């Protein structure tokens, strides 16, 4: 009896969602072309990160090697983008990573993905709220913060004075959020603001190559002495000069921070129902927008470090301040205006993605169904706007910008890793179509015993069959082999990332971590070989991730390694959020979801 109860409980955790025709999506009543999706991806990805992160990373994490940081972060996002692009071609449905994990891995992982994305989107909204205040402060010559500090801090506690500007922006956010009237005009405004951003950033790149000095990429001891910073070559927190002043560890830390700048392209897959040709537009939109974003970030970071020696960039400074160093004061306000356009264009309605994710989960029964009924009603929209913006204001009061950036990144990295895992799984599963798999999923969820005993799922697993499968097409047995091997690989890759996080121990020649790394690499190579030998699905798609299983595994490895760069405080915050989610799921969702 206990065994059967545990078996039924386990089946509930992994029951998959059938792809019925009537799937919830937000209907805007318009159709988008590939160019529209490219603009959407670039507009949401090239956001406030390029204005605030570049100076922060260059000043105390990477120096001129920030260009390598953006390269690594860009390649990481491109790997994730390829995985999203295949699912966009395979499953032309709105729903992003949540839907992909639901139809591939099952209910529990879908909930983890959706819950992670919710906290990630909330953190993004709080970051935007902080950016509002900083943007107006920049446009006003930093006099807002000085006035608040000098006049208000005498009458209220210091922490309130320092954060009062965030509450001043709440009214503006309310106005923007409540104006969700002409959604069709939103895309026109969005594309115009995206064009303004790209033009201004192109001006920054051209200015950097005009006013820049290559010597700033190879600073020597004499340069630091002339600047009056130190009389020795060892500058401690300022690095040690050259192109990589903070070493290889600085590049890794900087890449993990720069990853935030590439978040946003996944918004494309939430607009699948608005695409004219989703199988073509979605993959092209994701890949092209990521390439454009990388070129912009690479150019801006190169221009930044060429114009100003990295040690003159103060932590907390912004991209417009670079032009004050070279005496171009008018350019300061031009770039500051670009920040304003970036914030407006990327987040005209920042609660819409949060509403969409909660509504999808509520429609599936993983959250309370009443949420799906009220989120998009007229009064519900106003009420939820009040709740979301008030929550964002509270978080802005208690959380620092770095904490919010890490929280945003860790939630997104979790979803990216799960999508890469889904690509690895679904590529080796037996053939199924988008519209005809409902009966198959229902049959799997019910645990058809006859099929297990008499069907192809009753194949015998042998050692020879692991490396020399008997069928040229995927079978239930080969699919299960890939599922188990992929799960083991994720565990081994996580252990490898934990060991590599202790990089100084490896460089010191300590035999213990080196031995562990070698053993893990041998196991990873062997299990990857088993997956590689299994037959892949031959379903024709407009786009497929190349070099499977290597690229999805590489994506998972890099994502997990970036997550290891997060602080313990970020992990604690994310852990508390996940505990709240698990309480909701095991207390309500698992018993009321749409699965049988």
Protein backbone atom coordinates (compact mmCIF):
# COMPACT_ATOMS: atom_id res chain seq x y z
CA UNK A 1 0.00 0.00 0.00
CA UNK A 2 2.79 2.45 0.92
CA UNK A 3 4.69 1.54 -2.24
CA UNK A 4 1.66 2.25 -4.42
CA UNK A 5 1.00 5.54 -2.63
CA UNK A 6 4.61 6.65 -3.15
CA UNK A 7 4.43 5.58 -6.80
CA UNK A 8 1.28 7.62 -7.38
CA UNK A 9 2.85 10.59 -5.61
CA UNK A 10 5.94 10.33 -7.80
CA UNK A 11 3.79 10.14 -10.93
CA UNK A 12 2.09 13.39 -9.94
CA UNK A 13 5.46 15.14 -9.71
CA UNK A 14 6.48 14.19 -13.26
CA UNK A 15 3.13 14.23 -15.07
CA UNK A 16 3.45 16.24 -18.25
CA UNK A 17 1.14 18.84 -19.69
CA UNK A 18 -0.67 17.96 -22.95
CA UNK A 19 -0.42 20.55 -25.70
CA UNK A 20 -4.11 21.11 -26.34
CA UNK A 21 -5.05 23.65 -28.93
CA UNK A 22 -6.63 26.14 -26.52
CA UNK A 23 -3.65 27.42 -24.56
CA UNK A 24 -3.85 30.66 -22.62
CA UNK A 25 -2.09 33.65 -24.14
CA UNK A 26 -2.43 37.40 -24.00
CA UNK A 27 -4.12 38.45 -27.27
CA UNK A 28 -3.00 41.86 -28.46
CA UNK A 29 -4.78 41.55 -31.81
CA UNK A 30 -1.67 42.28 -33.90
CA UNK A 31 0.80 40.22 -35.93
CA UNK A 32 4.56 40.62 -35.63
CA UNK A 33 7.23 40.08 -38.26
CA UNK A 34 10.81 38.87 -37.77
CA UNK A 35 11.97 42.50 -37.65
CA UNK A 36 9.45 43.19 -34.90
CA UNK A 37 10.83 40.28 -32.87
CA UNK A 38 14.40 41.50 -33.38
CA UNK A 39 13.36 44.94 -32.15
CA UNK A 40 11.54 43.33 -29.23
CA UNK A 41 14.58 41.26 -28.25
CA UNK A 42 17.05 44.13 -28.62
CA UNK A 43 14.77 46.56 -26.81
CA UNK A 44 14.30 44.29 -23.81
CA UNK A 45 17.93 43.11 -23.70
CA UNK A 46 19.80 46.37 -24.27
CA UNK A 47 18.48 47.94 -21.10
CA UNK A 48 19.83 49.70 -18.07
CA UNK A 49 22.62 47.15 -17.64
CA UNK A 50 24.87 48.71 -20.27
CA UNK A 51 24.71 52.11 -18.50
CA UNK A 52 25.33 50.94 -14.94
CA UNK A 53 27.12 47.61 -15.08
CA UNK A 54 29.91 48.54 -17.47
CA UNK A 55 31.56 51.08 -15.15
CA UNK A 56 31.03 48.86 -12.10
CA UNK A 57 32.65 45.81 -13.67
CA UNK A 58 35.48 47.77 -15.27
CA UNK A 59 36.35 49.67 -12.08
CA UNK A 60 36.74 46.83 -9.58
CA UNK A 61 36.29 43.46 -11.31
CA UNK A 62 37.83 43.26 -14.75
CA UNK A 63 39.36 46.51 -15.99
CA UNK A 64 39.87 46.59 -19.79
CA UNK A 65 39.15 42.84 -19.92
CA UNK A 66 35.47 43.73 -19.47
CA UNK A 67 35.24 43.16 -23.22
CA UNK A 68 36.05 39.49 -22.52
CA UNK A 69 33.45 39.47 -19.74
CA UNK A 70 30.77 40.60 -22.17
CA UNK A 71 32.02 38.05 -24.69
CA UNK A 72 31.69 35.20 -22.18
CA UNK A 73 28.29 36.44 -20.96
CA UNK A 74 27.13 36.89 -24.55
CA UNK A 75 28.17 33.38 -25.55
CA UNK A 76 26.39 32.02 -22.48
CA UNK A 77 23.19 33.82 -23.43
CA UNK A 78 23.59 32.71 -27.06
CA UNK A 79 23.72 29.07 -25.92
CA UNK A 80 20.51 29.62 -23.97
CA UNK A 81 19.03 31.50 -26.92
CA UNK A 82 19.70 28.55 -29.24
CA UNK A 83 17.81 26.26 -26.86
CA UNK A 84 14.90 28.70 -26.72
CA UNK A 85 14.98 28.99 -30.51
CA UNK A 86 14.59 25.22 -30.99
CA UNK A 87 11.60 25.15 -28.67
CA UNK A 88 10.16 28.16 -30.45
CA UNK A 89 10.32 26.16 -33.69
CA UNK A 90 9.17 22.92 -32.09
CA UNK A 91 6.33 24.27 -29.91
CA UNK A 92 4.73 27.39 -31.41
CA UNK A 93 3.04 28.26 -28.11
CA UNK A 94 3.27 31.23 -25.77
CA UNK A 95 4.63 30.34 -22.35
CA UNK A 96 8.42 30.50 -22.39
CA UNK A 97 10.50 28.20 -20.19
CA UNK A 98 7.52 27.32 -18.02
CA UNK A 99 5.64 25.62 -20.86
CA UNK A 100 8.79 23.97 -22.22
CA UNK A 101 9.59 22.28 -18.93
CA UNK A 102 5.95 21.33 -18.34
CA UNK A 103 5.58 19.41 -21.62
CA UNK A 104 9.08 17.88 -21.40
CA UNK A 105 9.99 17.18 -17.77
CA UNK A 106 6.75 17.39 -15.84
CA UNK A 107 4.81 19.35 -13.28
CA UNK A 108 7.33 19.83 -10.46
CA UNK A 109 10.03 21.22 -12.72
CA UNK A 110 7.50 23.46 -14.44
CA UNK A 111 6.52 24.92 -11.08
CA UNK A 112 10.18 25.48 -10.16
CA UNK A 113 10.73 27.24 -13.48
CA UNK A 114 7.65 29.44 -13.19
CA UNK A 115 8.27 30.31 -9.56
CA UNK A 116 11.90 31.21 -10.32
CA UNK A 117 10.81 33.44 -13.19
CA UNK A 118 8.32 35.27 -10.98
CA UNK A 119 10.96 36.33 -8.44
CA UNK A 120 13.30 37.17 -11.31
CA UNK A 121 10.71 39.46 -12.92
CA UNK A 122 9.84 41.08 -9.59
CA UNK A 123 13.52 41.78 -8.93
CA UNK A 124 13.76 43.28 -12.41
CA UNK A 125 10.90 45.64 -11.62
CA UNK A 126 12.65 46.80 -8.45
CA UNK A 127 15.86 47.40 -10.42
CA UNK A 128 13.86 49.57 -12.81
CA UNK A 129 12.45 51.54 -9.88
CA UNK A 130 15.98 52.26 -8.68
CA UNK A 131 16.97 53.21 -12.23
CA UNK A 132 14.15 55.76 -12.40
CA UNK A 133 15.57 57.73 -9.51
CA UNK A 134 19.14 57.51 -10.73
CA UNK A 135 18.15 58.58 -14.24
CA UNK A 136 16.37 61.74 -13.09
CA UNK A 137 19.27 62.44 -10.76
CA UNK A 138 21.70 62.24 -13.68
CA UNK A 139 19.57 64.48 -15.88
CA UNK A 140 19.41 67.03 -13.08
CA UNK A 141 23.15 66.98 -12.49
CA UNK A 142 23.06 64.81 -9.36
CA UNK A 143 21.39 67.62 -7.45
CA UNK A 144 18.37 65.56 -6.42
CA UNK A 145 20.41 63.20 -4.27
CA UNK A 146 22.44 66.07 -2.80
CA UNK A 147 19.30 68.02 -1.90
CA UNK A 148 17.64 65.00 -0.36
CA UNK A 149 20.72 64.25 1.67
CA UNK A 150 21.23 67.80 2.94
CA UNK A 151 17.66 68.89 3.67
CA UNK A 152 15.60 65.80 4.41
CA UNK A 153 18.18 63.80 6.34
CA UNK A 154 18.03 66.37 9.15
CA UNK A 155 14.41 65.46 9.90
CA UNK A 156 14.10 61.75 9.07
CA UNK A 157 16.35 58.72 9.59
CA UNK A 158 19.22 58.45 7.10
CA UNK A 159 17.94 55.23 5.49
CA UNK A 160 14.62 56.92 4.62
CA UNK A 161 16.38 59.97 3.20
CA UNK A 162 18.57 57.80 1.01
CA UNK A 163 15.57 55.91 -0.39
CA UNK A 164 12.96 58.66 -0.57
CA UNK A 165 13.57 59.11 -4.28
CA UNK A 166 12.32 55.58 -4.95
CA UNK A 167 8.96 56.38 -3.39
CA UNK A 168 8.77 59.56 -5.46
CA UNK A 169 8.84 57.39 -8.57
CA UNK A 170 5.93 55.19 -7.44
CA UNK A 171 3.34 57.69 -8.70
CA UNK A 172 4.95 57.77 -12.12
CA UNK A 173 5.02 53.98 -12.26
CA UNK A 174 1.34 53.85 -11.30
CA UNK A 175 0.49 56.20 -14.14
CA UNK A 176 2.44 54.12 -16.67
CA UNK A 177 1.01 50.84 -15.43
CA UNK A 178 -2.62 51.96 -15.38
CA UNK A 179 -2.36 53.28 -18.93
CA UNK A 180 -2.59 49.94 -20.60
CA UNK A 181 -5.12 51.21 -23.11
CA UNK A 182 -3.65 51.25 -26.63
CA UNK A 183 -1.51 48.12 -26.72
CA UNK A 184 -1.09 48.37 -30.51
CA UNK A 185 0.64 51.74 -30.17
CA UNK A 186 3.00 50.24 -27.60
CA UNK A 187 5.02 48.47 -30.31
CA UNK A 188 5.44 51.65 -32.33
CA UNK A 189 6.69 53.57 -29.30
CA UNK A 190 8.85 50.63 -28.28
CA UNK A 191 10.61 50.42 -31.64
CA UNK A 192 11.21 54.18 -31.72
CA UNK A 193 12.75 54.17 -28.26
CA UNK A 194 14.88 51.13 -29.17
CA UNK A 195 16.15 53.01 -32.23
CA UNK A 196 17.06 56.00 -30.05
CA UNK A 197 19.00 53.76 -27.68
CA UNK A 198 20.96 52.13 -30.49
CA UNK A 199 21.79 55.49 -32.07
CA UNK A 200 23.05 56.94 -28.78
CA UNK A 201 25.10 53.83 -27.97
CA UNK A 202 26.54 53.93 -31.49
CA UNK A 203 27.58 57.50 -30.73
CA UNK A 204 29.29 56.26 -27.54
CA UNK A 205 31.17 53.58 -29.50
CA UNK A 206 32.31 56.00 -32.21
CA UNK A 207 33.35 58.57 -29.59
CA UNK A 208 35.37 55.93 -27.77
CA UNK A 209 37.35 55.01 -30.85
CA UNK A 210 37.88 58.69 -31.68
CA UNK A 211 38.95 59.88 -28.21
CA UNK A 212 40.27 56.59 -26.90
CA UNK A 213 43.87 55.66 -26.20
CA UNK A 214 45.11 52.07 -26.64
CA UNK A 215 47.58 52.69 -23.86
CA UNK A 216 44.69 52.49 -21.38
CA UNK A 217 44.56 48.77 -22.17
CA UNK A 218 48.19 48.28 -21.14
CA UNK A 219 48.79 50.47 -18.10
CA UNK A 220 52.17 50.15 -16.41
CA UNK A 221 53.64 50.94 -13.02
CA UNK A 222 54.69 54.41 -14.18
CA UNK A 223 51.09 55.28 -15.05
CA UNK A 224 49.93 54.51 -11.51
CA UNK A 225 52.79 56.50 -10.01
CA UNK A 226 52.02 59.51 -12.22
CA UNK A 227 48.38 59.31 -11.20
CA UNK A 228 49.47 59.44 -7.54
CA UNK A 229 47.73 56.18 -6.71
CA UNK A 230 50.62 54.10 -5.44
CA UNK A 231 54.38 53.93 -5.52
CA UNK A 232 54.42 50.19 -6.10
CA UNK A 233 53.07 48.01 -8.85
CA UNK A 234 50.80 46.09 -6.49
CA UNK A 235 47.64 48.15 -6.11
CA UNK A 236 45.55 45.66 -4.15
CA UNK A 237 41.86 46.36 -4.88
CA UNK A 238 42.78 48.37 -8.00
CA UNK A 239 44.43 45.45 -9.73
CA UNK A 240 47.90 45.13 -11.16
CA UNK A 241 47.73 46.88 -14.50
CA UNK A 242 47.76 45.53 -18.03
CA UNK A 243 44.75 44.30 -19.98
CA UNK A 244 43.70 41.85 -17.25
CA UNK A 245 44.48 43.72 -14.00
CA UNK A 246 42.29 41.51 -11.82
CA UNK A 247 43.35 38.18 -13.28
CA UNK A 248 41.29 35.29 -14.58
CA UNK A 249 39.10 35.30 -11.47
CA UNK A 250 38.15 38.90 -12.19
CA UNK A 251 37.02 37.92 -15.68
CA UNK A 252 34.81 35.17 -14.28
CA UNK A 253 33.27 37.43 -11.63
CA UNK A 254 32.76 40.16 -14.19
CA UNK A 255 31.15 37.77 -16.68
CA UNK A 256 28.69 36.61 -14.01
CA UNK A 257 27.77 40.26 -13.34
CA UNK A 258 27.59 41.15 -17.05
CA UNK A 259 25.18 38.27 -17.62
CA UNK A 260 22.38 40.49 -16.32
CA UNK A 261 22.87 42.75 -19.34
CA UNK A 262 21.83 39.93 -21.71
CA UNK A 263 18.61 39.02 -19.93
CA UNK A 264 15.49 39.88 -21.90
CA UNK A 265 15.56 37.97 -25.18
CA UNK A 266 13.26 35.31 -23.70
CA UNK A 267 10.43 37.85 -23.90
CA UNK A 268 10.25 36.93 -27.58
CA UNK A 269 8.83 33.46 -26.92
CA UNK A 270 5.95 34.92 -24.90
CA UNK A 271 4.69 36.57 -28.13
CA UNK A 272 4.47 33.40 -30.23
CA UNK A 273 0.73 33.76 -30.87
CA UNK A 274 1.35 37.22 -32.31
CA UNK A 275 3.91 35.97 -34.85
CA UNK A 276 3.09 35.75 -38.55
CA UNK A 277 5.35 32.69 -38.98
CA UNK A 278 6.40 31.57 -35.48
CA UNK A 279 8.56 28.62 -36.59
CA UNK A 280 10.78 31.01 -38.55
CA UNK A 281 10.39 34.35 -36.77
CA UNK A 282 11.10 33.14 -33.24
CA UNK A 283 14.51 31.45 -33.88
CA UNK A 284 15.67 34.26 -36.16
CA UNK A 285 14.50 36.94 -33.75
CA UNK A 286 16.33 35.37 -30.79
CA UNK A 287 19.65 34.74 -32.54
CA UNK A 288 19.82 38.05 -34.45
CA UNK A 289 18.82 40.14 -31.42
CA UNK A 290 21.47 38.45 -29.24
CA UNK A 291 24.17 39.07 -31.85
CA UNK A 292 23.20 42.74 -32.09
CA UNK A 293 23.20 43.07 -28.30
CA UNK A 294 26.65 41.50 -28.05
CA UNK A 295 28.08 43.87 -30.66
CA UNK A 296 26.61 46.85 -28.80
CA UNK A 297 27.90 45.73 -25.39
CA UNK A 298 31.31 44.83 -26.76
CA UNK A 299 31.64 48.19 -28.48
CA UNK A 300 30.45 50.22 -25.49
CA UNK A 301 32.74 48.44 -23.03
CA UNK A 302 35.71 48.84 -25.38
CA UNK A 303 34.95 52.54 -25.84
CA UNK A 304 34.55 53.03 -22.09
CA UNK A 305 37.93 51.55 -21.17
CA UNK A 306 39.70 53.27 -24.08
CA UNK A 307 38.42 56.73 -23.15
CA UNK A 308 39.12 56.51 -19.41
CA UNK A 309 41.71 54.47 -17.46
CA UNK A 310 39.76 51.89 -15.50
CA UNK A 311 41.14 53.08 -12.15
CA UNK A 312 39.47 56.48 -12.66
CA UNK A 313 36.03 54.86 -12.84
CA UNK A 314 34.43 55.06 -9.43
CA UNK A 315 32.09 52.27 -8.22
CA UNK A 316 28.53 53.48 -8.64
CA UNK A 317 29.35 55.78 -11.55
CA UNK A 318 27.39 55.58 -14.80
CA UNK A 319 28.21 55.59 -18.49
CA UNK A 320 27.34 59.30 -19.07
CA UNK A 321 29.99 60.36 -16.52
CA UNK A 322 32.69 59.05 -18.86
CA UNK A 323 32.13 62.04 -21.13
CA UNK A 324 32.87 64.41 -18.23
CA UNK A 325 36.35 62.87 -18.07
CA UNK A 326 37.05 63.79 -21.69
CA UNK A 327 35.38 67.22 -21.49
CA UNK A 328 32.29 66.50 -23.58
CA UNK A 329 29.64 67.85 -21.23
CA UNK A 330 26.78 67.99 -23.79
CA UNK A 331 27.28 64.28 -24.51
CA UNK A 332 26.68 63.62 -20.81
CA UNK A 333 23.06 64.69 -21.14
CA UNK A 334 22.59 62.94 -24.49
CA UNK A 335 23.61 59.58 -23.02
CA UNK A 336 21.59 60.28 -19.86
CA UNK A 337 18.54 60.84 -22.05
CA UNK A 338 19.24 57.46 -23.63
CA UNK A 339 19.00 55.89 -20.17
CA UNK A 340 15.60 57.50 -19.78
CA UNK A 341 14.47 56.03 -23.12
CA UNK A 342 15.89 52.65 -22.11
CA UNK A 343 13.91 52.52 -18.90
CA UNK A 344 10.72 53.72 -20.57
CA UNK A 345 11.03 51.46 -23.60
CA UNK A 346 11.90 48.28 -21.78
CA UNK A 347 9.38 48.61 -18.97
CA UNK A 348 6.35 50.56 -20.15
CA UNK A 349 4.33 47.84 -18.44
CA UNK A 350 6.72 45.86 -16.28
CA UNK A 351 3.97 43.99 -14.41
CA UNK A 352 2.57 42.41 -17.60
CA UNK A 353 5.13 39.52 -17.69
CA UNK A 354 4.53 38.86 -13.98
CA UNK A 355 0.77 38.77 -14.55
CA UNK A 356 1.23 36.46 -17.52
CA UNK A 357 3.35 33.95 -15.61
CA UNK A 358 1.05 33.88 -12.58
CA UNK A 359 -1.99 33.55 -14.85
CA UNK A 360 -0.49 30.58 -16.73
CA UNK A 361 0.31 28.77 -13.50
CA UNK A 362 -3.14 29.53 -12.13
CA UNK A 363 -4.80 28.27 -15.33
CA UNK A 364 -2.89 25.01 -14.89
CA UNK A 365 -3.99 24.72 -11.25
CA UNK A 366 -0.49 25.14 -9.80
CA UNK A 367 -1.61 28.39 -8.17
CA UNK A 368 -5.06 29.51 -7.04
CA UNK A 369 -7.43 29.73 -10.07
CA UNK A 370 -8.98 32.95 -8.75
CA UNK A 371 -5.73 34.70 -9.72
CA UNK A 372 -6.34 33.91 -13.38
CA UNK A 373 -9.79 35.48 -13.22
CA UNK A 374 -8.80 38.78 -11.63
CA UNK A 375 -5.34 39.54 -13.03
CA UNK A 376 -6.52 40.89 -16.38
CA UNK A 377 -9.89 42.29 -15.36
CA UNK A 378 -10.21 46.07 -15.22
CA UNK A 379 -10.32 46.38 -11.45
CA UNK A 380 -7.97 43.45 -11.03
CA UNK A 381 -5.38 45.21 -13.18
CA UNK A 382 -5.46 48.29 -10.96
CA UNK A 383 -5.40 46.21 -7.77
CA UNK A 384 -2.49 44.05 -8.88
CA UNK A 385 -0.60 47.13 -10.05
CA UNK A 386 -0.94 48.58 -6.53
CA UNK A 387 0.26 45.30 -5.01
CA UNK A 388 3.19 44.81 -7.39
CA UNK A 389 4.44 48.40 -7.24
CA UNK A 390 4.07 48.54 -3.44
CA UNK A 391 6.03 45.29 -3.14
CA UNK A 392 8.69 46.69 -5.46
CA UNK A 393 8.94 49.85 -3.34
CA UNK A 394 9.43 47.80 -0.17
CA UNK A 395 12.10 45.67 -1.83
CA UNK A 396 13.84 48.77 -3.16
CA UNK A 397 13.96 50.08 0.40
CA UNK A 398 15.56 46.96 1.91
CA UNK A 399 17.61 45.49 -0.96
CA UNK A 400 20.74 46.90 -2.54
CA UNK A 401 21.20 47.08 -6.32
CA UNK A 402 23.83 44.33 -6.34
CA UNK A 403 21.54 41.98 -4.40
CA UNK A 404 18.71 42.63 -6.84
CA UNK A 405 20.95 42.05 -9.86
CA UNK A 406 22.11 38.72 -8.44
CA UNK A 407 18.56 37.71 -7.53
CA UNK A 408 17.39 38.54 -11.05
CA UNK A 409 20.28 36.58 -12.55
CA UNK A 410 19.96 33.48 -10.39
CA UNK A 411 16.28 33.06 -11.22
CA UNK A 412 16.95 33.47 -14.93
CA UNK A 413 19.96 31.14 -14.90
CA UNK A 414 17.78 28.47 -13.28
CA UNK A 415 15.21 28.71 -16.06
CA UNK A 416 17.92 28.79 -18.77
CA UNK A 417 19.48 25.61 -17.35
CA UNK A 418 16.13 23.81 -17.28
CA UNK A 419 15.40 24.79 -20.91
CA UNK A 420 18.80 23.44 -22.00
CA UNK A 421 18.04 20.23 -20.11
CA UNK A 422 14.66 20.02 -21.89
CA UNK A 423 16.35 20.30 -25.30
CA UNK A 424 18.66 17.47 -24.32
CA UNK A 425 15.72 15.31 -23.28
CA UNK A 426 13.25 16.01 -26.06
CA UNK A 427 15.79 15.52 -28.87
CA UNK A 428 16.13 11.84 -27.93
CA UNK A 429 12.46 11.03 -27.30
CA UNK A 430 10.18 9.07 -29.67
CA UNK A 431 8.41 11.11 -32.32
CA UNK A 432 5.41 13.21 -31.32
CA UNK A 433 3.61 16.16 -32.88
CA UNK A 434 2.36 19.34 -31.30
CA UNK A 435 -1.36 18.77 -31.83
CA UNK A 436 -1.56 15.00 -31.52
CA UNK A 437 0.34 14.30 -28.33
CA UNK A 438 -2.47 14.89 -25.85
CA UNK A 439 -3.61 11.25 -25.79
CA UNK A 440 0.00 10.08 -25.52
CA UNK A 441 0.70 12.35 -22.55
CA UNK A 442 -2.52 11.32 -20.81
CA UNK A 443 -1.59 7.67 -21.32
CA UNK A 444 1.88 8.22 -19.87
CA UNK A 445 0.51 10.14 -16.91
CA UNK A 446 -1.93 7.33 -16.11
CA UNK A 447 0.88 4.78 -16.18
CA UNK A 448 -0.45 2.33 -18.75
CA UNK A 449 0.65 -1.04 -17.41
CA UNK A 450 -0.12 -2.94 -20.62
CA UNK A 451 2.30 -0.79 -22.56
CA UNK A 452 5.00 -1.28 -19.95
CA UNK A 453 4.69 -5.07 -20.12
CA UNK A 454 4.05 -5.70 -23.81
CA UNK A 455 5.02 -2.55 -25.70
CA UNK A 456 8.38 -1.28 -26.83
CA UNK A 457 8.95 0.17 -23.35
CA UNK A 458 9.63 -3.42 -22.18
CA UNK A 459 12.96 -3.54 -24.03
CA UNK A 460 15.86 -4.97 -22.11
CA UNK A 461 18.74 -2.70 -21.21
CA UNK A 462 22.19 -4.15 -21.91
CA UNK A 463 25.71 -2.75 -21.71
CA UNK A 464 26.13 -3.19 -25.44
CA UNK A 465 22.84 -1.40 -26.06
CA UNK A 466 24.15 1.69 -24.27
CA UNK A 467 26.79 2.29 -26.96
CA UNK A 468 25.25 0.38 -29.88
CA UNK A 469 21.45 0.87 -29.82
CA UNK A 470 19.49 -1.54 -31.93
CA UNK A 471 17.08 1.02 -33.37
CA UNK A 472 17.97 3.96 -35.67
CA UNK A 473 15.05 5.95 -34.25
CA UNK A 474 14.34 6.88 -30.61
CA UNK A 475 12.48 4.33 -28.49
CA UNK A 476 10.99 4.62 -24.99
CA UNK A 477 14.04 2.75 -23.67
CA UNK A 478 16.58 5.04 -25.36
CA UNK A 479 14.56 8.04 -24.16
CA UNK A 480 14.75 6.82 -20.57
CA UNK A 481 18.49 6.14 -20.92
CA UNK A 482 19.04 9.74 -22.04
CA UNK A 483 16.83 11.06 -19.23
CA UNK A 484 18.79 9.17 -16.55
CA UNK A 485 22.19 9.98 -18.07
CA UNK A 486 21.30 13.65 -18.46
CA UNK A 487 20.20 13.83 -14.82
CA UNK A 488 23.51 12.27 -13.75
CA UNK A 489 25.39 14.75 -15.93
CA UNK A 490 23.65 17.71 -14.33
CA UNK A 491 24.64 16.40 -10.91
CA UNK A 492 28.26 15.84 -11.99
CA UNK A 493 28.46 19.25 -13.67
CA UNK A 494 27.18 20.87 -10.49
CA UNK A 495 29.86 19.08 -8.45
CA UNK A 496 32.48 20.16 -11.00
CA UNK A 497 31.36 23.79 -10.69
CA UNK A 498 31.61 23.56 -6.90
CA UNK A 499 35.18 22.31 -7.18
CA UNK A 500 36.16 24.87 -9.82
CA UNK A 501 34.79 27.62 -7.59
CA UNK A 502 37.85 26.89 -5.44
CA UNK A 503 40.10 27.88 -8.35
CA UNK A 504 43.09 29.08 -6.24
CA UNK A 505 43.35 25.58 -4.75
CA UNK A 506 43.69 24.13 -8.24
CA UNK A 507 46.37 26.63 -9.25
CA UNK A 508 48.37 25.92 -6.11
CA UNK A 509 48.86 22.32 -7.22
CA UNK A 510 46.91 20.68 -4.43
CA UNK A 511 46.44 17.07 -5.65
CA UNK A 512 43.05 16.54 -3.96
CA UNK A 513 40.93 19.01 -6.02
CA UNK A 514 42.88 18.18 -9.19
CA UNK A 515 42.13 14.48 -8.74
CA UNK A 516 38.45 15.21 -8.15
CA UNK A 517 38.31 17.37 -11.30
CA UNK A 518 39.95 14.67 -13.41
CA UNK A 519 37.60 11.96 -12.12
CA UNK A 520 34.55 14.16 -12.72
CA UNK A 521 35.73 14.95 -16.26
CA UNK A 522 36.23 11.25 -17.01
CA UNK A 523 32.72 10.42 -15.76
CA UNK A 524 31.19 13.36 -17.64
CA UNK A 525 32.94 12.32 -20.85
CA UNK A 526 31.80 8.71 -20.54
CA UNK A 527 28.15 9.54 -19.83
CA UNK A 528 28.13 12.14 -22.62
CA UNK A 529 29.37 9.41 -24.95
CA UNK A 530 26.42 7.22 -23.95
CA UNK A 531 23.97 10.03 -24.79
CA UNK A 532 25.76 10.77 -28.06
CA UNK A 533 25.32 7.16 -29.19
CA UNK A 534 21.55 7.18 -28.69
CA UNK A 535 19.33 7.79 -31.75
CA UNK A 536 18.02 11.33 -32.14
CA UNK A 537 14.62 12.49 -33.29
CA UNK A 538 14.42 13.15 -37.02
CA UNK A 539 11.44 15.52 -36.82
CA UNK A 540 12.03 18.28 -39.40
CA UNK A 541 12.24 21.71 -37.77
CA UNK A 542 13.06 25.17 -39.06
CA UNK A 543 15.79 25.37 -36.42
CA UNK A 544 17.66 22.85 -34.27
CA UNK A 545 20.43 23.36 -31.73
CA UNK A 546 23.66 22.14 -33.37
CA UNK A 547 26.15 19.76 -31.76
CA UNK A 548 23.69 18.09 -29.38
CA UNK A 549 24.40 16.95 -26.66
CA UNK A 550 27.54 19.12 -26.30
CA UNK A 551 26.01 22.62 -26.60
CA UNK A 552 23.08 22.06 -24.18
CA UNK A 553 25.51 20.51 -21.66
CA UNK A 554 27.90 23.42 -22.10
CA UNK A 555 25.02 25.82 -21.53
CA UNK A 556 24.05 24.04 -18.31
CA UNK A 557 27.67 24.03 -17.11
CA UNK A 558 28.24 27.75 -17.70
CA UNK A 559 24.87 28.68 -16.17
CA UNK A 560 25.56 26.66 -13.04
CA UNK A 561 29.08 28.06 -12.78
CA UNK A 562 27.72 31.61 -12.95
CA UNK A 563 25.26 30.71 -10.21
CA UNK A 564 28.21 29.61 -8.07
CA UNK A 565 29.56 33.16 -8.30
CA UNK A 566 26.53 34.51 -6.42
CA UNK A 567 26.86 35.49 -2.77
CA UNK A 568 25.54 33.47 0.14
CA UNK A 569 22.99 36.23 0.85
CA UNK A 570 21.56 35.88 -2.66
CA UNK A 571 21.28 32.12 -2.28
CA UNK A 572 19.54 32.60 1.07
CA UNK A 573 17.00 35.00 -0.45
CA UNK A 574 16.38 32.68 -3.37
CA UNK A 575 16.09 29.71 -1.00
CA UNK A 576 13.45 31.44 1.11
CA UNK A 577 11.45 32.24 -2.02
CA UNK A 578 11.65 28.62 -3.20
CA UNK A 579 10.58 27.33 0.22
CA UNK A 580 7.48 29.53 0.02
CA UNK A 581 6.83 28.14 -3.46
CA UNK A 582 7.23 24.51 -2.37
CA UNK A 583 4.80 25.13 0.49
CA UNK A 584 2.23 26.40 -2.04
CA UNK A 585 2.86 23.57 -4.47
CA UNK A 586 2.77 20.65 -2.03
CA UNK A 587 -0.03 22.23 -0.04
CA UNK A 588 -2.25 23.13 -3.00
CA UNK A 589 -0.81 22.84 -6.52
CA UNK A 590 -0.02 19.13 -6.61
CA UNK A 591 -3.62 18.27 -5.64
CA UNK A 592 -5.41 20.71 -7.97
CA UNK A 593 -3.28 20.79 -11.14
CA UNK A 594 -4.73 19.84 -14.52
CA UNK A 595 -2.95 16.50 -14.60
CA UNK A 596 -5.01 13.35 -13.92
